[in-house]
PDB file of N, CA and C in Angstrom:
ATOM      1  N   MET A   1     -60.111   0.489  71.939  1.00  0.00           N
ATOM      2  CA  MET A   1     -59.511   0.450  70.630  1.00  0.00           C
ATOM      3  C   MET A   1     -60.183  -0.676  69.862  1.00  0.00           C
ATOM      4  N   GLY A   2     -60.560  -0.366  68.634  1.00  0.00           N
ATOM      5  CA  GLY A   2     -61.210  -1.366  67.822  1.00  0.00           C
ATOM      6  C   GLY A   2     -60.244  -2.419  67.311  1.00  0.00           C
ATOM      7  N   LEU A   3     -60.805  -3.549  66.988  1.00  0.00           N
ATOM      8  CA  LEU A   3     -59.997  -4.647  66.477  1.00  0.00           C
ATOM      9  C   LEU A   3     -59.292  -4.259  65.179  1.00  0.00           C
ATOM     10  N   ALA A   4     -59.976  -3.501  64.341  1.00  0.00           N
ATOM     11  CA  ALA A   4     -59.378  -3.067  63.073  1.00  0.00           C
ATOM     12  C   ALA A   4     -58.174  -2.165  63.324  1.00  0.00           C
ATOM     13  N   ASP A   5     -58.290  -1.278  64.320  1.00  0.00           N
ATOM     14  CA  ASP A   5     -57.169  -0.388  64.656  1.00  0.00           C
ATOM     15  C   ASP A   5     -55.977  -1.184  65.162  1.00  0.00           C
ATOM     16  N   LYS A   6     -56.262  -2.174  66.008  1.00  0.00           N
ATOM     17  CA  LYS A   6     -55.182  -3.010  66.534  1.00  0.00           C
ATOM     18  C   LYS A   6     -54.473  -3.756  65.407  1.00  0.00           C
ATOM     19  N   ALA A   7     -55.263  -4.298  64.497  1.00  0.00           N
ATOM     20  CA  ALA A   7     -54.694  -5.051  63.377  1.00  0.00           C
ATOM     21  C   ALA A   7     -53.870  -4.152  62.478  1.00  0.00           C
ATOM     22  N   GLN A   8     -54.367  -2.953  62.207  1.00  0.00           N
ATOM     23  CA  GLN A   8     -53.632  -2.023  61.359  1.00  0.00           C
ATOM     24  C   GLN A   8     -52.321  -1.595  62.016  1.00  0.00           C
ATOM     25  N   ASN A   9     -52.368  -1.301  63.304  1.00  0.00           N
ATOM     26  CA  ASN A   9     -51.150  -0.911  64.016  1.00  0.00           C
ATOM     27  C   ASN A   9     -50.130  -2.047  64.023  1.00  0.00           C
ATOM     28  N   LYS A  10     -50.609  -3.269  64.222  1.00  0.00           N
ATOM     29  CA  LYS A  10     -49.702  -4.417  64.244  1.00  0.00           C
ATOM     30  C   LYS A  10     -49.096  -4.639  62.865  1.00  0.00           C
ATOM     31  N   ALA A  11     -49.902  -4.465  61.812  1.00  0.00           N
ATOM     32  CA  ALA A  11     -49.397  -4.621  60.450  1.00  0.00           C
ATOM     33  C   ALA A  11     -48.328  -3.578  60.150  1.00  0.00           C
ATOM     34  N   GLU A  12     -48.554  -2.337  60.594  1.00  0.00           N
ATOM     35  CA  GLU A  12     -47.555  -1.285  60.397  1.00  0.00           C
ATOM     36  C   GLU A  12     -46.276  -1.598  61.164  1.00  0.00           C
ATOM     37  N   GLU A  13     -46.433  -2.114  62.372  1.00  0.00           N
ATOM     38  CA  GLU A  13     -45.260  -2.470  63.169  1.00  0.00           C
ATOM     39  C   GLU A  13     -44.447  -3.572  62.484  1.00  0.00           C
ATOM     40  N   LEU A  14     -45.144  -4.600  62.011  1.00  0.00           N
ATOM     41  CA  LEU A  14     -44.455  -5.709  61.339  1.00  0.00           C
ATOM     42  C   LEU A  14     -43.787  -5.251  60.043  1.00  0.00           C
ATOM     43  N   ALA A  15     -44.439  -4.372  59.309  1.00  0.00           N
ATOM     44  CA  ALA A  15     -43.840  -3.846  58.081  1.00  0.00           C
ATOM     45  C   ALA A  15     -42.581  -3.048  58.421  1.00  0.00           C
ATOM     46  N   GLY A  16     -42.634  -2.293  59.507  1.00  0.00           N
ATOM     47  CA  GLY A  16     -41.462  -1.542  59.954  1.00  0.00           C
ATOM     48  C   GLY A  16     -40.319  -2.454  60.351  1.00  0.00           C
ATOM     49  N   GLN A  17     -40.650  -3.546  61.022  1.00  0.00           N
ATOM     50  CA  GLN A  17     -39.623  -4.508  61.411  1.00  0.00           C
ATOM     51  C   GLN A  17     -38.977  -5.133  60.182  1.00  0.00           C
ATOM     52  N   ALA A  18     -39.801  -5.463  59.196  1.00  0.00           N
ATOM     53  CA  ALA A  18     -39.277  -6.060  57.968  1.00  0.00           C
ATOM     54  C   ALA A  18     -38.372  -5.077  57.233  1.00  0.00           C
ATOM     55  N   LYS A  19     -38.802  -3.817  57.169  1.00  0.00           N
ATOM     56  CA  LYS A  19     -38.002  -2.799  56.490  1.00  0.00           C
ATOM     57  C   LYS A  19     -36.676  -2.594  57.214  1.00  0.00           C
ATOM     58  N   GLU A  20     -36.723  -2.594  58.548  1.00  0.00           N
ATOM     59  CA  GLU A  20     -35.500  -2.435  59.336  1.00  0.00           C
ATOM     60  C   GLU A  20     -34.539  -3.590  59.070  1.00  0.00           C
ATOM     61  N   LYS A  21     -35.053  -4.827  59.095  1.00  0.00           N
ATOM     62  CA  LYS A  21     -34.199  -6.000  58.863  1.00  0.00           C
ATOM     63  C   LYS A  21     -33.624  -5.987  57.458  1.00  0.00           C
ATOM     64  N   LEU A  22     -34.440  -5.621  56.471  1.00  0.00           N
ATOM     65  CA  LEU A  22     -33.945  -5.546  55.097  1.00  0.00           C
ATOM     66  C   LEU A  22     -32.816  -4.525  54.988  1.00  0.00           C
ATOM     67  N   GLY A  23     -32.991  -3.395  55.654  1.00  0.00           N
ATOM     68  CA  GLY A  23     -31.948  -2.383  55.666  1.00  0.00           C
ATOM     69  C   GLY A  23     -30.668  -2.878  56.312  1.00  0.00           C
ATOM     70  N   GLN A  24     -30.807  -3.660  57.373  1.00  0.00           N
ATOM     71  CA  GLN A  24     -29.631  -4.217  58.043  1.00  0.00           C
ATOM     72  C   GLN A  24     -28.906  -5.198  57.131  1.00  0.00           C
ATOM     73  N   VAL A  25     -29.666  -6.060  56.463  1.00  0.00           N
ATOM     74  CA  VAL A  25     -29.082  -7.085  55.605  1.00  0.00           C
ATOM     75  C   VAL A  25     -28.394  -6.464  54.393  1.00  0.00           C
ATOM     76  N   THR A  26     -29.026  -5.449  53.818  1.00  0.00           N
ATOM     77  CA  THR A  26     -28.477  -4.838  52.608  1.00  0.00           C
ATOM     78  C   THR A  26     -27.487  -3.713  52.909  1.00  0.00           C
ATOM     79  N   GLY A  27     -27.401  -3.325  54.178  1.00  0.00           N
ATOM     80  CA  GLY A  27     -26.505  -2.230  54.537  1.00  0.00           C
ATOM     81  C   GLY A  27     -27.079  -0.861  54.201  1.00  0.00           C
ATOM     82  N   ASP A  28     -28.390  -0.790  53.966  1.00  0.00           N
ATOM     83  CA  ASP A  28     -29.063   0.458  53.628  1.00  0.00           C
ATOM     84  C   ASP A  28     -29.571   1.114  54.914  1.00  0.00           C
ATOM     85  N   GLU A  29     -28.808   2.070  55.401  1.00  0.00           N
ATOM     86  CA  GLU A  29     -29.163   2.715  56.662  1.00  0.00           C
ATOM     87  C   GLU A  29     -30.467   3.494  56.565  1.00  0.00           C
ATOM     88  N   ASP A  30     -30.760   4.056  55.382  1.00  0.00           N
ATOM     89  CA  ASP A  30     -32.009   4.798  55.222  1.00  0.00           C
ATOM     90  C   ASP A  30     -33.215   3.883  55.427  1.00  0.00           C
ATOM     91  N   SER A  31     -33.194   2.699  54.812  1.00  0.00           N
ATOM     92  CA  SER A  31     -34.299   1.752  54.985  1.00  0.00           C
ATOM     93  C   SER A  31     -34.395   1.286  56.429  1.00  0.00           C
ATOM     94  N   GLU A  32     -33.260   1.050  57.029  1.00  0.00           N
ATOM     95  CA  GLU A  32     -33.236   0.619  58.427  1.00  0.00           C
ATOM     96  C   GLU A  32     -33.872   1.683  59.318  1.00  0.00           C
ATOM     97  N   ASN A  33     -33.493   2.933  59.100  1.00  0.00           N
ATOM     98  CA  ASN A  33     -34.037   4.026  59.909  1.00  0.00           C
ATOM     99  C   ASN A  33     -35.522   4.246  59.635  1.00  0.00           C
ATOM    100  N   GLU A  34     -35.941   4.101  58.383  1.00  0.00           N
ATOM    101  CA  GLU A  34     -37.360   4.223  58.055  1.00  0.00           C
ATOM    102  C   GLU A  34     -38.156   3.138  58.771  1.00  0.00           C
ATOM    103  N   GLY A  35     -37.617   1.935  58.809  1.00  0.00           N
ATOM    104  CA  GLY A  35     -38.280   0.844  59.512  1.00  0.00           C
ATOM    105  C   GLY A  35     -38.445   1.136  60.984  1.00  0.00           C
ATOM    106  N   LYS A  36     -37.406   1.674  61.586  1.00  0.00           N
ATOM    107  CA  LYS A  36     -37.482   2.037  63.004  1.00  0.00           C
ATOM    108  C   LYS A  36     -38.523   3.127  63.219  1.00  0.00           C
ATOM    109  N   ALA A  37     -38.559   4.107  62.310  1.00  0.00           N
ATOM    110  CA  ALA A  37     -39.533   5.194  62.420  1.00  0.00           C
ATOM    111  C   ALA A  37     -40.960   4.664  62.259  1.00  0.00           C
ATOM    112  N   ASP A  38     -41.161   3.744  61.326  1.00  0.00           N
ATOM    113  CA  ASP A  38     -42.487   3.150  61.133  1.00  0.00           C
ATOM    114  C   ASP A  38     -42.947   2.421  62.399  1.00  0.00           C
ATOM    115  N   GLN A  39     -42.023   1.723  63.035  1.00  0.00           N
ATOM    116  CA  GLN A  39     -42.358   1.012  64.271  1.00  0.00           C
ATOM    117  C   GLN A  39     -42.718   1.997  65.380  1.00  0.00           C
ATOM    118  N   ALA A  40     -41.952   3.061  65.479  1.00  0.00           N
ATOM    119  CA  ALA A  40     -42.216   4.066  66.514  1.00  0.00           C
ATOM    120  C   ALA A  40     -43.578   4.712  66.284  1.00  0.00           C
ATOM    121  N   LYS A  41     -43.891   5.014  65.031  1.00  0.00           N
ATOM    122  CA  LYS A  41     -45.179   5.624  64.696  1.00  0.00           C
ATOM    123  C   LYS A  41     -46.319   4.684  65.077  1.00  0.00           C
ATOM    124  N   SER A  42     -46.162   3.427  64.780  1.00  0.00           N
ATOM    125  CA  SER A  42     -47.176   2.436  65.120  1.00  0.00           C
ATOM    126  C   SER A  42     -47.360   2.343  66.630  1.00  0.00           C
ATOM    127  N   ASN A  43     -46.263   2.349  67.352  1.00  0.00           N
ATOM    128  CA  ASN A  43     -46.336   2.266  68.813  1.00  0.00           C
ATOM    129  C   ASN A  43     -47.007   3.501  69.415  1.00  0.00           C
ATOM    130  N   LEU A  44     -46.757   4.671  68.830  1.00  0.00           N
ATOM    131  CA  LEU A  44     -47.403   5.893  69.315  1.00  0.00           C
ATOM    132  C   LEU A  44     -48.905   5.848  69.062  1.00  0.00           C
ATOM    133  N   LYS A  45     -49.290   5.367  67.883  1.00  0.00           N
ATOM    134  CA  LYS A  45     -50.717   5.238  67.588  1.00  0.00           C
ATOM    135  C   LYS A  45     -51.381   4.285  68.575  1.00  0.00           C
ATOM    136  N   ASP A  46     -50.722   3.183  68.833  1.00  0.00           N
ATOM    137  CA  ASP A  46     -51.252   2.186  69.761  1.00  0.00           C
ATOM    138  C   ASP A  46     -51.416   2.799  71.155  1.00  0.00           C
ATOM    139  N   ALA A  47     -50.422   3.534  71.591  1.00  0.00           N
ATOM    140  CA  ALA A  47     -50.489   4.175  72.908  1.00  0.00           C
ATOM    141  C   ALA A  47     -51.616   5.203  72.952  1.00  0.00           C
ATOM    142  N   GLY A  48     -51.786   5.946  71.874  1.00  0.00           N
ATOM    143  CA  GLY A  48     -52.869   6.926  71.811  1.00  0.00           C
ATOM    144  C   GLY A  48     -54.227   6.271  71.887  1.00  0.00           C
ATOM    145  N   GLU A  49     -54.395   5.170  71.181  1.00  0.00           N
ATOM    146  CA  GLU A  49     -55.662   4.434  71.215  1.00  0.00           C
ATOM    147  C   GLU A  49     -55.926   3.893  72.619  1.00  0.00           C
ATOM    148  N   LYS A  50     -54.892   3.396  73.266  1.00  0.00           N
ATOM    149  CA  LYS A  50     -55.057   2.873  74.633  1.00  0.00           C
ATOM    150  C   LYS A  50     -55.438   3.995  75.599  1.00  0.00           C
ATOM    151  N   ALA A  51     -54.857   5.165  75.408  1.00  0.00           N
ATOM    152  CA  ALA A  51     -55.195   6.312  76.270  1.00  0.00           C
ATOM    153  C   ALA A  51     -56.642   6.719  76.063  1.00  0.00           C
ATOM    154  N   LYS A  52     -57.098   6.732  74.805  1.00  0.00           N
ATOM    155  CA  LYS A  52     -58.493   7.070  74.541  1.00  0.00           C
ATOM    156  C   LYS A  52     -59.420   6.057  75.209  1.00  0.00           C
ATOM    157  N   ASP A  53     -59.058   4.786  75.127  1.00  0.00           N
ATOM    158  CA  ASP A  53     -59.864   3.736  75.753  1.00  0.00           C
ATOM    159  C   ASP A  53     -59.921   3.920  77.267  1.00  0.00           C
ATOM    160  N   ALA A  54     -58.818   4.321  77.867  1.00  0.00           N
ATOM    161  CA  ALA A  54     -58.769   4.488  79.317  1.00  0.00           C
ATOM    162  C   ALA A  54     -59.704   5.608  79.760  1.00  0.00           C
ATOM    163  N   PHE A  55     -59.813   6.671  78.951  1.00  0.00           N
ATOM    164  CA  PHE A  55     -60.690   7.780  79.318  1.00  0.00           C
ATOM    165  C   PHE A  55     -62.159   7.466  79.080  1.00  0.00           C
ATOM    166  N   LYS A  56     -62.438   6.499  78.211  1.00  0.00           N
ATOM    167  CA  LYS A  56     -63.827   6.124  77.948  1.00  0.00           C
ATOM    168  C   LYS A  56     -64.413   5.315  79.096  1.00  0.00           C
ATOM    169  N   HIS A  57     -63.557   4.640  79.865  1.00  0.00           N
ATOM    170  CA  HIS A  57     -64.048   3.746  80.923  1.00  0.00           C
ATOM    171  C   HIS A  57     -64.093   4.437  82.231  1.00  0.00           C
TER     172      HIS A  57
END
């Protein structure tokens, strides 16, 4: 996995965490759920990249 991919995935994860926390603070369940979904998407991308790397070696 390239460094740029790792950085992008981490940025998406952090943005998801921020959105989730904002939703919790404001009581906006939609934002909270979107944040959780963004984090899950980032984690899936990261796992996919790691799997591709494992097959390359």
